[in-house]
Amino acid sequence: MTAASGVRAAPDPARLSINTATVRAQWTLPEIVDALARHGIRGISPWRDQVARAGLVDSARRIRDAGLFVSGYCRGGMFPAADAAGRRAARDDNRRAVDEALAIGARCLVLVVGGLPKDAAGRPVGRDLAGARAMVRDGIAELLDYAKPAGMPLAIEPLHPMYAADRACVNTLAQANELCDEVAPGDGPSLGVAVDVYHVWWDPQLPREIARAGAAQRLLAYHICDWLVPTTDLLNDRGMMGDGVIDLPAIRAMMEAAGYRGAHEVEIFSGRWWKVPGDDVLATCKARHAGAS
């Protein structure tokens, strides 16, 4: 992948959204909503645990009253399980996630699909990655039957291969596109993908697969941050845009060329940034979105 040449227009600040993981260590969800309004940031993507603590009805009201749009809801998924009872529990939890996403007004429910089945202590059961992927396929198909009539789009988020065993056995955008083709061919608005640059920036097939998803109307979400060198923690050392090696303007150009007109959602899990005052984090997000994305 090469950076596009020439001067590129700055991103539209109205499309900036903050995934609440970015400032979850500093603030509660109600405080995040107030802070986004204070900083003139229009978008939010909350996590289910934060919504649960604040209350679903109250969270939806606060977000609506603040005039925010909900770029996505985090998260559903985690389909593989060691037995039928575990798969039924995953099914029921995912249906609750759809209901919550609808109540909060989300544009999509993001799916982190899960890795190898685990026992009660969280240890992987077996090594059958193909079997886990089959459970993911079946789980998404079943959930789509519930979500589509309700009008809640599902966005499959491929995660970096380092997460294949524990968090997501869908690891490339090609795999996500193929799942969409298999489960819901020709139904892009109902089942699509979330493109998170942290997980896919390295993929030599990324331009082709973004174009493929766009042609099928599957580009439902776009998450931005940066990849630091060195990365000291593979989960909690994401970089602020412009501090790492991801060519964010080039990826944004791919997304826009493929027809994406949605939010630019900043999602930064970072022990470094969680120590910074929340207002400073949001101010930096705004500046870096304008100048480095």
Protein backbone atom coordinates (compact mmCIF):
# COMPACT_ATOMS: atom_id res chain seq x y z
CA MET A 1 0.00 0.00 0.00
CA THR A 2 1.34 3.44 -0.87
CA ALA A 3 0.27 6.83 0.34
CA ALA A 4 -1.65 8.84 -2.20
CA SER A 5 0.24 11.81 -3.52
CA GLY A 6 -0.85 15.41 -3.43
CA VAL A 7 -2.70 17.53 -0.89
CA ARG A 8 -5.72 15.83 0.63
CA ALA A 9 -8.66 17.71 2.07
CA ALA A 10 -9.00 17.63 5.83
CA PRO A 11 -11.72 15.34 7.17
CA ASP A 12 -15.11 16.82 7.99
CA PRO A 13 -15.11 17.58 11.74
CA ALA A 14 -18.83 16.80 11.85
CA ARG A 15 -17.96 13.15 11.18
CA LEU A 16 -15.73 12.81 14.25
CA SER A 17 -16.98 10.30 16.81
CA ILE A 18 -15.39 9.11 20.05
CA ASN A 19 -15.51 5.50 21.08
CA THR A 20 -15.97 5.72 24.83
CA ALA A 21 -13.10 3.29 25.46
CA THR A 22 -10.82 6.22 24.60
CA VAL A 23 -11.65 8.04 27.85
CA ARG A 24 -13.23 5.27 29.91
CA ALA A 25 -10.57 5.54 32.64
CA GLN A 26 -11.24 9.24 33.14
CA TRP A 27 -15.02 9.48 33.05
CA THR A 28 -18.32 7.68 33.42
CA LEU A 29 -20.62 7.51 30.41
CA PRO A 30 -22.73 10.51 31.53
CA GLU A 31 -19.54 12.50 31.99
CA ILE A 32 -18.32 11.47 28.53
CA VAL A 33 -21.59 12.63 26.97
CA ASP A 34 -21.29 16.01 28.70
CA ALA A 35 -17.64 16.34 27.66
CA LEU A 36 -18.35 15.58 24.00
CA ALA A 37 -21.04 18.24 23.96
CA ARG A 38 -18.65 20.66 25.64
CA HIS A 39 -15.98 20.03 22.99
CA GLY A 40 -18.39 20.21 20.08
CA ILE A 41 -17.84 16.57 19.10
CA ARG A 42 -21.00 15.20 17.56
CA GLY A 43 -20.51 11.41 17.63
CA ILE A 44 -20.26 8.75 20.32
CA SER A 45 -19.86 4.97 20.36
CA PRO A 46 -20.55 3.56 23.83
CA TRP A 47 -19.68 0.19 25.34
CA ARG A 48 -22.33 -2.05 26.84
CA ASP A 49 -20.77 -2.20 30.30
CA GLN A 50 -20.74 1.60 30.54
CA VAL A 51 -24.35 1.78 29.39
CA ALA A 52 -25.33 -0.87 31.92
CA ARG A 53 -23.77 1.09 34.77
CA ALA A 54 -25.45 4.33 33.73
CA GLY A 55 -28.76 2.69 32.79
CA LEU A 56 -29.98 2.09 29.25
CA VAL A 57 -32.94 4.46 29.32
CA ASP A 58 -30.98 7.26 30.98
CA SER A 59 -28.02 6.79 28.61
CA ALA A 60 -30.27 6.98 25.55
CA ARG A 61 -31.93 10.13 26.90
CA ARG A 62 -28.63 11.84 27.71
CA ILE A 63 -27.16 11.07 24.28
CA ARG A 64 -30.31 12.28 22.54
CA ASP A 65 -30.55 15.46 24.64
CA ALA A 66 -26.89 16.26 23.92
CA GLY A 67 -27.59 16.08 20.19
CA LEU A 68 -25.09 13.27 19.58
CA PHE A 69 -25.29 10.58 16.93
CA VAL A 70 -24.29 7.02 17.88
CA SER A 71 -21.79 5.78 15.29
CA GLY A 72 -21.83 2.25 16.68
CA TYR A 73 -22.50 0.13 19.75
CA CYS A 74 -19.78 -2.04 21.30
CA ARG A 75 -20.22 -4.87 21.15
CA GLY A 76 -21.87 -8.13 20.19
CA GLY A 77 -20.24 -11.34 19.06
CA MET A 78 -18.22 -13.92 21.02
CA PHE A 79 -20.15 -16.69 19.30
CA PRO A 80 -17.98 -19.82 19.79
CA ALA A 81 -18.66 -21.87 22.89
CA ALA A 82 -17.64 -25.28 24.20
CA ASP A 83 -21.18 -26.66 24.32
CA ALA A 84 -24.75 -26.04 23.22
CA ALA A 85 -25.63 -24.25 26.45
CA GLY A 86 -22.79 -21.79 25.88
CA ARG A 87 -23.90 -21.13 22.33
CA ARG A 88 -27.47 -20.50 23.52
CA ALA A 89 -26.14 -18.06 26.12
CA ALA A 90 -24.18 -16.25 23.41
CA ARG A 91 -27.30 -16.12 21.23
CA ASP A 92 -29.37 -14.62 24.03
CA ASP A 93 -26.71 -12.08 24.95
CA ASN A 94 -26.36 -10.99 21.33
CA ARG A 95 -30.10 -10.48 21.06
CA ARG A 96 -29.93 -8.26 24.14
CA ALA A 97 -27.11 -6.33 22.48
CA VAL A 98 -29.33 -5.74 19.42
CA ASP A 99 -32.14 -4.50 21.65
CA GLU A 100 -29.77 -2.14 23.48
CA ALA A 101 -28.32 -0.83 20.22
CA LEU A 102 -31.81 -0.06 18.99
CA ALA A 103 -32.74 1.68 22.23
CA ILE A 104 -29.65 3.85 22.14
CA GLY A 105 -30.07 4.77 18.48
CA ALA A 106 -26.88 3.16 17.17
CA ARG A 107 -26.10 3.10 13.45
CA CYS A 108 -24.78 -0.45 13.81
CA LEU A 109 -23.91 -3.14 16.33
CA VAL A 110 -20.21 -3.99 16.09
CA LEU A 111 -19.41 -7.71 16.26
CA VAL A 112 -16.15 -8.97 17.73
CA VAL A 113 -16.81 -12.56 16.83
CA GLY A 114 -14.74 -14.54 19.33
CA GLY A 115 -11.90 -17.02 19.02
CA LEU A 116 -11.50 -20.60 20.15
CA PRO A 117 -14.17 -21.85 22.58
CA LYS A 118 -13.16 -21.43 26.23
CA ASP A 119 -13.80 -23.25 29.47
CA ALA A 120 -15.18 -21.61 32.63
CA ALA A 121 -11.72 -20.32 33.52
CA GLY A 122 -11.29 -18.67 30.12
CA ARG A 123 -8.80 -21.22 28.77
CA PRO A 124 -9.13 -22.27 25.11
CA VAL A 125 -10.78 -25.64 24.58
CA GLY A 126 -9.05 -27.43 21.74
CA ARG A 127 -7.34 -26.11 18.63
CA ASP A 128 -10.12 -26.31 16.04
CA LEU A 129 -9.96 -22.84 14.52
CA ALA A 130 -12.01 -23.92 11.51
CA GLY A 131 -14.70 -25.17 13.87
CA ALA A 132 -14.70 -21.85 15.72
CA ARG A 133 -15.14 -20.03 12.43
CA ALA A 134 -18.08 -22.28 11.58
CA MET A 135 -19.71 -21.36 14.91
CA VAL A 136 -19.14 -17.70 14.08
CA ARG A 137 -20.81 -18.11 10.70
CA ASP A 138 -23.80 -19.89 12.22
CA GLY A 139 -24.06 -17.40 15.08
CA ILE A 140 -24.05 -14.40 12.76
CA ALA A 141 -26.68 -15.99 10.52
CA GLU A 142 -28.94 -16.64 13.49
CA LEU A 143 -28.42 -13.15 14.90
CA LEU A 144 -29.13 -11.57 11.51
CA ASP A 145 -32.54 -13.25 11.52
CA TYR A 146 -33.23 -11.31 14.72
CA ALA A 147 -31.52 -8.02 13.90
CA LYS A 148 -32.63 -7.48 10.31
CA PRO A 149 -36.40 -7.27 10.95
CA ALA A 150 -35.66 -4.85 13.81
CA GLY A 151 -33.58 -2.64 11.51
CA MET A 152 -30.23 -2.98 13.30
CA PRO A 153 -27.24 -3.44 10.94
CA LEU A 154 -24.51 -5.83 12.09
CA ALA A 155 -20.87 -4.85 11.46
CA ILE A 156 -18.28 -7.64 11.53
CA GLU A 157 -14.97 -6.25 12.80
CA PRO A 158 -11.91 -8.27 11.73
CA LEU A 159 -9.21 -8.21 14.38
CA HIS A 160 -5.44 -8.50 13.95
CA PRO A 161 -4.28 -12.15 13.69
CA MET A 162 -2.68 -11.91 17.13
CA TYR A 163 -6.25 -12.14 18.48
CA ALA A 164 -7.29 -15.25 16.51
CA ALA A 165 -7.33 -17.56 19.52
CA ASP A 166 -9.00 -15.41 22.14
CA ARG A 167 -10.94 -12.49 20.67
CA ALA A 168 -11.69 -12.95 16.98
CA CYS A 169 -11.04 -15.72 14.48
CA VAL A 170 -12.03 -13.35 11.67
CA ASN A 171 -8.73 -11.62 11.03
CA THR A 172 -8.82 -9.99 7.60
CA LEU A 173 -11.28 -7.85 5.75
CA ALA A 174 -11.37 -10.56 3.07
CA GLN A 175 -12.64 -13.06 5.66
CA ALA A 176 -15.29 -10.60 6.80
CA ASN A 177 -16.39 -9.95 3.22
CA GLU A 178 -16.56 -13.68 2.56
CA LEU A 179 -18.72 -14.18 5.65
CA CYS A 180 -21.09 -11.51 4.37
CA ASP A 181 -21.21 -13.22 0.97
CA GLU A 182 -21.98 -16.55 2.60
CA VAL A 183 -24.50 -15.42 5.19
CA ALA A 184 -26.28 -12.55 3.44
CA PRO A 185 -25.33 -12.15 -0.23
CA GLY A 186 -26.63 -8.90 -1.67
CA ASP A 187 -27.75 -7.60 1.74
CA GLY A 188 -25.04 -5.05 2.49
CA PRO A 189 -27.08 -2.62 4.56
CA SER A 190 -28.07 -5.38 7.04
CA LEU A 191 -24.72 -7.16 7.38
CA GLY A 192 -21.43 -5.41 6.74
CA VAL A 193 -18.01 -4.64 8.16
CA ALA A 194 -16.29 -2.32 10.61
CA VAL A 195 -12.86 -1.27 9.34
CA ASP A 196 -10.55 -0.63 12.30
CA VAL A 197 -7.18 0.62 11.08
CA TYR A 198 -5.35 -0.86 14.09
CA HIS A 199 -6.30 -4.34 12.94
CA VAL A 200 -6.10 -4.12 9.15
CA TRP A 201 -3.53 -1.45 8.21
CA TRP A 202 -0.84 -4.07 7.47
CA ASP A 203 -2.93 -6.13 5.02
CA PRO A 204 -1.65 -5.95 1.39
CA GLN A 205 -5.18 -6.78 0.18
CA LEU A 206 -6.77 -3.88 2.09
CA PRO A 207 -7.40 -1.60 -0.93
CA ARG A 208 -9.09 -4.38 -2.84
CA GLU A 209 -11.21 -5.51 0.10
CA ILE A 210 -12.34 -1.99 1.04
CA ALA A 211 -13.43 -1.49 -2.56
CA ARG A 212 -15.20 -4.86 -2.48
CA ALA A 213 -17.06 -3.97 0.71
CA GLY A 214 -18.00 -0.57 -0.67
CA ALA A 215 -19.39 -2.01 -3.88
CA ALA A 216 -21.66 -4.23 -1.79
CA GLN A 217 -22.68 -1.35 0.54
CA ARG A 218 -21.05 -3.09 3.49
CA LEU A 219 -18.88 -0.28 4.91
CA LEU A 220 -20.75 0.34 8.16
CA ALA A 221 -18.05 1.72 10.48
CA TYR A 222 -14.53 3.16 10.38
CA HIS A 223 -12.34 3.20 13.50
CA ILE A 224 -9.12 5.20 13.71
CA CYS A 225 -6.05 5.33 15.93
CA ASP A 226 -2.38 4.54 15.19
CA TRP A 227 0.15 1.72 15.50
CA LEU A 228 3.14 2.64 17.63
CA VAL A 229 6.67 1.36 17.07
CA PRO A 230 7.51 -0.17 19.42
CA THR A 231 4.15 -1.30 20.74
CA THR A 232 4.58 -2.20 24.40
CA ASP A 233 1.17 -3.81 24.94
CA LEU A 234 -0.79 -5.39 22.10
CA LEU A 235 -4.14 -4.53 23.65
CA ASN A 236 -3.63 -1.30 25.55
CA ASP A 237 -0.93 0.62 23.69
CA ARG A 238 -2.73 2.03 20.69
CA GLY A 239 -1.45 5.35 19.45
CA MET A 240 -3.10 8.68 18.88
CA MET A 241 -3.51 9.50 15.20
CA GLY A 242 -0.20 10.80 13.83
CA ASP A 243 1.99 9.18 16.49
CA GLY A 244 2.58 5.91 14.64
CA VAL A 245 3.09 4.32 11.25
CA ILE A 246 -0.42 3.93 9.79
CA ASP A 247 -1.04 5.95 6.62
CA LEU A 248 -4.40 7.23 7.80
CA PRO A 249 -5.02 9.69 4.92
CA ALA A 250 -4.45 6.88 2.41
CA ILE A 251 -6.91 4.56 4.16
CA ARG A 252 -9.47 7.33 4.47
CA ALA A 253 -9.10 7.94 0.74
CA MET A 254 -9.79 4.25 0.09
CA MET A 255 -12.89 4.37 2.29
CA GLU A 256 -14.21 7.50 0.61
CA ALA A 257 -13.47 6.18 -2.88
CA ALA A 258 -15.50 3.10 -1.96
CA GLY A 259 -18.46 5.28 -0.99
CA TYR A 260 -18.10 5.49 2.78
CA ARG A 261 -19.69 8.65 4.17
CA GLY A 262 -20.04 7.67 7.82
CA ALA A 263 -18.28 8.57 11.04
CA HIS A 264 -14.57 8.59 11.80
CA GLU A 265 -14.63 6.88 15.17
CA VAL A 266 -11.57 7.33 17.40
CA GLU A 267 -11.01 4.16 19.43
CA ILE A 268 -7.84 4.23 21.52
CA PHE A 269 -7.12 1.62 24.18
CA SER A 270 -4.07 3.14 25.81
CA GLY A 271 -2.58 3.03 29.28
CA ARG A 272 -0.71 6.19 28.29
CA TRP A 273 -3.73 8.20 27.20
CA TRP A 274 -5.89 6.97 30.08
CA LYS A 275 -3.51 8.88 32.38
CA VAL A 276 -4.10 12.16 30.52
CA PRO A 277 -6.97 14.43 31.62
CA GLY A 278 -10.03 13.65 29.53
CA ASP A 279 -10.47 17.18 28.22
CA ASP A 280 -6.89 17.12 26.91
CA VAL A 281 -7.52 13.75 25.23
CA LEU A 282 -10.60 15.06 23.45
CA ALA A 283 -8.84 18.24 22.36
CA THR A 284 -6.01 16.13 20.94
CA CYS A 285 -8.48 13.85 19.16
CA LYS A 286 -10.05 16.86 17.46
CA ALA A 287 -6.69 18.30 16.41
CA ARG A 288 -5.30 14.99 15.16
CA HIS A 289 -8.50 14.12 13.31
CA ALA A 290 -8.16 17.38 11.43
CA GLY A 291 -4.42 17.22 10.84
CA ALA A 292 -3.33 13.58 10.74
CA SER A 293 -6.31 11.55 9.57
